[in-house]
Amino acid sequence: MNTFLQTSVEMADAFREDGKIWVVVGVIALVFLVLAGYLLWMDRRLSALEKSKK
């Protein structure tokens, strides 16, 4: 168990050394923003449909 805690993730270390970790963070942030924008757009669209239905 002790050796498990001491091992590091080689891929993450390589990304940090190359500076590519910011590319990964940027892509994840972009996906999150697009998804949040889509959900807000869909919520407004559904609200408009509900109001027009009444």
PDB file of N, CA and C in Angstrom:
ATOM      1  N   MET A   1       0.828  -1.202   0.000  1.00  0.00           N
ATOM      2  CA  MET A   1       0.000   0.000   0.000  1.00  0.00           C
ATOM      3  C   MET A   1       0.863   1.253   0.000  1.00  0.00           C
ATOM      4  N   ASN A   2       1.977   1.196   0.685  1.00  0.00           N
ATOM      5  CA  ASN A   2       2.850   2.357   0.764  1.00  0.00           C
ATOM      6  C   ASN A   2       3.459   2.687  -0.598  1.00  0.00           C
ATOM      7  N   THR A   3       3.773   1.670  -1.397  1.00  0.00           N
ATOM      8  CA  THR A   3       4.334   1.935  -2.720  1.00  0.00           C
ATOM      9  C   THR A   3       3.290   2.547  -3.645  1.00  0.00           C
ATOM     10  N   PHE A   4       2.018   2.230  -3.409  1.00  0.00           N
ATOM     11  CA  PHE A   4       0.949   2.810  -4.221  1.00  0.00           C
ATOM     12  C   PHE A   4       0.867   4.319  -4.006  1.00  0.00           C
ATOM     13  N   LEU A   5       1.057   4.761  -2.785  1.00  0.00           N
ATOM     14  CA  LEU A   5       0.968   6.187  -2.482  1.00  0.00           C
ATOM     15  C   LEU A   5       2.159   6.960  -3.019  1.00  0.00           C
ATOM     16  N   GLN A   6       3.289   6.298  -3.191  1.00  0.00           N
ATOM     17  CA  GLN A   6       4.495   6.984  -3.626  1.00  0.00           C
ATOM     18  C   GLN A   6       4.630   7.045  -5.147  1.00  0.00           C
ATOM     19  N   THR A   7       3.876   6.255  -5.869  1.00  0.00           N
ATOM     20  CA  THR A   7       3.989   6.278  -7.328  1.00  0.00           C
ATOM     21  C   THR A   7       3.320   7.520  -7.876  1.00  0.00           C
ATOM     22  N   SER A   8       3.873   8.035  -8.957  1.00  0.00           N
ATOM     23  CA  SER A   8       3.292   9.209  -9.592  1.00  0.00           C
ATOM     24  C   SER A   8       2.744   8.803 -10.953  1.00  0.00           C
ATOM     25  N   VAL A   9       1.890   9.623 -11.479  1.00  0.00           N
ATOM     26  CA  VAL A   9       1.300   9.357 -12.778  1.00  0.00           C
ATOM     27  C   VAL A   9       2.244   9.928 -13.831  1.00  0.00           C
ATOM     28  N   GLU A  10       2.825   9.060 -14.633  1.00  0.00           N
ATOM     29  CA  GLU A  10       3.836   9.487 -15.595  1.00  0.00           C
ATOM     30  C   GLU A  10       3.260  10.401 -16.668  1.00  0.00           C
ATOM     31  N   MET A  11       2.042  10.111 -17.122  1.00  0.00           N
ATOM     32  CA  MET A  11       1.438  10.923 -18.165  1.00  0.00           C
ATOM     33  C   MET A  11       1.200  12.348 -17.655  1.00  0.00           C
ATOM     34  N   ALA A  12       0.701  12.484 -16.432  1.00  0.00           N
ATOM     35  CA  ALA A  12       0.455  13.808 -15.868  1.00  0.00           C
ATOM     36  C   ALA A  12       1.772  14.562 -15.686  1.00  0.00           C
ATOM     37  N   ASP A  13       2.820  13.866 -15.255  1.00  0.00           N
ATOM     38  CA  ASP A  13       4.123  14.514 -15.101  1.00  0.00           C
ATOM     39  C   ASP A  13       4.659  14.990 -16.442  1.00  0.00           C
ATOM     40  N   ALA A  14       4.464  14.199 -17.477  1.00  0.00           N
ATOM     41  CA  ALA A  14       4.936  14.584 -18.808  1.00  0.00           C
ATOM     42  C   ALA A  14       4.170  15.802 -19.315  1.00  0.00           C
ATOM     43  N   PHE A  15       2.861  15.849 -19.072  1.00  0.00           N
ATOM     44  CA  PHE A  15       2.068  17.013 -19.482  1.00  0.00           C
ATOM     45  C   PHE A  15       2.522  18.269 -18.752  1.00  0.00           C
ATOM     46  N   ARG A  16       2.831  18.125 -17.461  1.00  0.00           N
ATOM     47  CA  ARG A  16       3.285  19.293 -16.695  1.00  0.00           C
ATOM     48  C   ARG A  16       4.635  19.775 -17.197  1.00  0.00           C
ATOM     49  N   GLU A  17       5.525  18.857 -17.489  1.00  0.00           N
ATOM     50  CA  GLU A  17       6.856  19.238 -17.960  1.00  0.00           C
ATOM     51  C   GLU A  17       6.795  19.927 -19.316  1.00  0.00           C
ATOM     52  N   ASP A  18       5.940  19.446 -20.195  1.00  0.00           N
ATOM     53  CA  ASP A  18       5.836  20.016 -21.541  1.00  0.00           C
ATOM     54  C   ASP A  18       4.963  21.266 -21.586  1.00  0.00           C
ATOM     55  N   GLY A  19       4.245  21.559 -20.512  1.00  0.00           N
ATOM     56  CA  GLY A  19       3.339  22.693 -20.501  1.00  0.00           C
ATOM     57  C   GLY A  19       2.018  22.388 -21.175  1.00  0.00           C
ATOM     58  N   LYS A  20       1.787  21.141 -21.509  1.00  0.00           N
ATOM     59  CA  LYS A  20       0.547  20.766 -22.194  1.00  0.00           C
ATOM     60  C   LYS A  20      -0.611  20.568 -21.230  1.00  0.00           C
ATOM     61  N   ILE A  21      -0.327  20.641 -19.933  1.00  0.00           N
ATOM     62  CA  ILE A  21      -1.405  20.496 -18.972  1.00  0.00           C
ATOM     63  C   ILE A  21      -2.416  21.618 -19.151  1.00  0.00           C
ATOM     64  N   TRP A  22      -1.949  22.788 -19.596  1.00  0.00           N
ATOM     65  CA  TRP A  22      -2.858  23.915 -19.813  1.00  0.00           C
ATOM     66  C   TRP A  22      -3.752  23.678 -21.024  1.00  0.00           C
ATOM     67  N   VAL A  23      -3.265  22.907 -21.976  1.00  0.00           N
ATOM     68  CA  VAL A  23      -4.114  22.542 -23.125  1.00  0.00           C
ATOM     69  C   VAL A  23      -5.245  21.632 -22.649  1.00  0.00           C
ATOM     70  N   VAL A  24      -4.917  20.698 -21.787  1.00  0.00           N
ATOM     71  CA  VAL A  24      -5.926  19.784 -21.244  1.00  0.00           C
ATOM     72  C   VAL A  24      -6.946  20.560 -20.419  1.00  0.00           C
ATOM     73  N   VAL A  25      -6.463  21.451 -19.557  1.00  0.00           N
ATOM     74  CA  VAL A  25      -7.360  22.264 -18.735  1.00  0.00           C
ATOM     75  C   VAL A  25      -8.236  23.145 -19.624  1.00  0.00           C
ATOM     76  N   GLY A  26      -7.665  23.709 -20.673  1.00  0.00           N
ATOM     77  CA  GLY A  26      -8.424  24.554 -21.587  1.00  0.00           C
ATOM     78  C   GLY A  26      -9.508  23.792 -22.324  1.00  0.00           C
ATOM     79  N   VAL A  27      -9.195  22.600 -22.774  1.00  0.00           N
ATOM     80  CA  VAL A  27     -10.187  21.787 -23.489  1.00  0.00           C
ATOM     81  C   VAL A  27     -11.320  21.392 -22.556  1.00  0.00           C
ATOM     82  N   ILE A  28     -10.986  21.010 -21.335  1.00  0.00           N
ATOM     83  CA  ILE A  28     -12.026  20.642 -20.368  1.00  0.00           C
ATOM     84  C   ILE A  28     -12.902  21.852 -20.051  1.00  0.00           C
ATOM     85  N   ALA A  29     -12.284  23.016 -19.876  1.00  0.00           N
ATOM     86  CA  ALA A  29     -13.053  24.236 -19.608  1.00  0.00           C
ATOM     87  C   ALA A  29     -13.943  24.590 -20.792  1.00  0.00           C
ATOM     88  N   LEU A  30     -13.434  24.437 -22.000  1.00  0.00           N
ATOM     89  CA  LEU A  30     -14.223  24.739 -23.191  1.00  0.00           C
ATOM     90  C   LEU A  30     -15.427  23.809 -23.305  1.00  0.00           C
ATOM     91  N   VAL A  31     -15.226  22.538 -23.061  1.00  0.00           N
ATOM     92  CA  VAL A  31     -16.333  21.578 -23.105  1.00  0.00           C
ATOM     93  C   VAL A  31     -17.380  21.936 -22.055  1.00  0.00           C
ATOM     94  N   PHE A  32     -16.929  22.292 -20.859  1.00  0.00           N
ATOM     95  CA  PHE A  32     -17.857  22.670 -19.797  1.00  0.00           C
ATOM     96  C   PHE A  32     -18.647  23.918 -20.175  1.00  0.00           C
ATOM     97  N   LEU A  33     -17.984  24.922 -20.729  1.00  0.00           N
ATOM     98  CA  LEU A  33     -18.667  26.156 -21.109  1.00  0.00           C
ATOM     99  C   LEU A  33     -19.684  25.919 -22.226  1.00  0.00           C
ATOM    100  N   VAL A  34     -19.320  25.098 -23.201  1.00  0.00           N
ATOM    101  CA  VAL A  34     -20.253  24.797 -24.294  1.00  0.00           C
ATOM    102  C   VAL A  34     -21.465  24.044 -23.756  1.00  0.00           C
ATOM    103  N   LEU A  35     -21.239  23.098 -22.882  1.00  0.00           N
ATOM    104  CA  LEU A  35     -22.336  22.335 -22.301  1.00  0.00           C
ATOM    105  C   LEU A  35     -23.242  23.231 -21.453  1.00  0.00           C
ATOM    106  N   ALA A  36     -22.654  24.102 -20.648  1.00  0.00           N
ATOM    107  CA  ALA A  36     -23.448  25.018 -19.829  1.00  0.00           C
ATOM    108  C   ALA A  36     -24.242  25.977 -20.714  1.00  0.00           C
ATOM    109  N   GLY A  37     -23.627  26.478 -21.781  1.00  0.00           N
ATOM    110  CA  GLY A  37     -24.327  27.362 -22.704  1.00  0.00           C
ATOM    111  C   GLY A  37     -25.487  26.666 -23.383  1.00  0.00           C
ATOM    112  N   TYR A  38     -25.282  25.427 -23.791  1.00  0.00           N
ATOM    113  CA  TYR A  38     -26.347  24.664 -24.433  1.00  0.00           C
ATOM    114  C   TYR A  38     -27.506  24.441 -23.474  1.00  0.00           C
ATOM    115  N   LEU A  39     -27.204  24.124 -22.221  1.00  0.00           N
ATOM    116  CA  LEU A  39     -28.269  23.896 -21.243  1.00  0.00           C
ATOM    117  C   LEU A  39     -29.043  25.180 -20.949  1.00  0.00           C
ATOM    118  N   LEU A  40     -28.349  26.312 -20.872  1.00  0.00           N
ATOM    119  CA  LEU A  40     -29.046  27.582 -20.666  1.00  0.00           C
ATOM    120  C   LEU A  40     -29.933  27.927 -21.859  1.00  0.00           C
ATOM    121  N   TRP A  41     -29.417  27.707 -23.060  1.00  0.00           N
ATOM    122  CA  TRP A  41     -30.200  27.972 -24.270  1.00  0.00           C
ATOM    123  C   TRP A  41     -31.443  27.090 -24.309  1.00  0.00           C
ATOM    124  N   MET A  42     -31.270  25.822 -23.979  1.00  0.00           N
ATOM    125  CA  MET A  42     -32.392  24.884 -23.991  1.00  0.00           C
ATOM    126  C   MET A  42     -33.415  25.249 -22.918  1.00  0.00           C
ATOM    127  N   ASP A  43     -32.952  25.716 -21.761  1.00  0.00           N
ATOM    128  CA  ASP A  43     -33.861  26.126 -20.700  1.00  0.00           C
ATOM    129  C   ASP A  43     -34.700  27.327 -21.134  1.00  0.00           C
ATOM    130  N   ARG A  44     -34.077  28.298 -21.762  1.00  0.00           N
ATOM    131  CA  ARG A  44     -34.822  29.462 -22.249  1.00  0.00           C
ATOM    132  C   ARG A  44     -35.815  29.070 -23.331  1.00  0.00           C
ATOM    133  N   ARG A  45     -35.413  28.176 -24.189  1.00  0.00           N
ATOM    134  CA  ARG A  45     -36.307  27.727 -25.270  1.00  0.00           C
ATOM    135  C   ARG A  45     -37.520  26.988 -24.709  1.00  0.00           C
ATOM    136  N   LEU A  46     -37.266  26.122 -23.726  1.00  0.00           N
ATOM    137  CA  LEU A  46     -38.374  25.389 -23.110  1.00  0.00           C
ATOM    138  C   LEU A  46     -39.288  26.322 -22.325  1.00  0.00           C
ATOM    139  N   SER A  47     -38.715  27.322 -21.663  1.00  0.00           N
ATOM    140  CA  SER A  47     -39.534  28.287 -20.931  1.00  0.00           C
ATOM    141  C   SER A  47     -40.436  29.056 -21.888  1.00  0.00           C
ATOM    142  N   ALA A  48     -39.907  29.435 -23.032  1.00  0.00           N
ATOM    143  CA  ALA A  48     -40.712  30.148 -24.022  1.00  0.00           C
ATOM    144  C   ALA A  48     -41.835  29.259 -24.547  1.00  0.00           C
ATOM    145  N   LEU A  49     -41.553  27.981 -24.768  1.00  0.00           N
ATOM    146  CA  LEU A  49     -42.599  27.058 -25.220  1.00  0.00           C
ATOM    147  C   LEU A  49     -43.681  26.873 -24.162  1.00  0.00           C
ATOM    148  N   GLU A  50     -43.264  26.802 -22.902  1.00  0.00           N
ATOM    149  CA  GLU A  50     -44.245  26.633 -21.821  1.00  0.00           C
ATOM    150  C   GLU A  50     -45.142  27.863 -21.715  1.00  0.00           C
ATOM    151  N   LYS A  51     -44.567  29.047 -21.880  1.00  0.00           N
ATOM    152  CA  LYS A  51     -45.374  30.273 -21.803  1.00  0.00           C
ATOM    153  C   LYS A  51     -46.345  30.369 -22.976  1.00  0.00           C
ATOM    154  N   SER A  52     -45.904  29.965 -24.156  1.00  0.00           N
ATOM    155  CA  SER A  52     -46.782  30.055 -25.323  1.00  0.00           C
ATOM    156  C   SER A  52     -47.877  28.988 -25.277  1.00  0.00           C
ATOM    157  N   LYS A  53     -47.647  27.923 -24.547  1.00  0.00           N
ATOM    158  CA  LYS A  53     -48.627  26.851 -24.437  1.00  0.00           C
ATOM    159  C   LYS A  53     -49.811  27.249 -23.556  1.00  0.00           C
ATOM    160  N   LYS A  54     -49.576  28.144 -22.606  1.00  0.00           N
ATOM    161  CA  LYS A  54     -50.634  28.535 -21.661  1.00  0.00           C
ATOM    162  C   LYS A  54     -51.637  29.419 -22.278  1.00  0.00           C
TER     163      LYS A  54
END
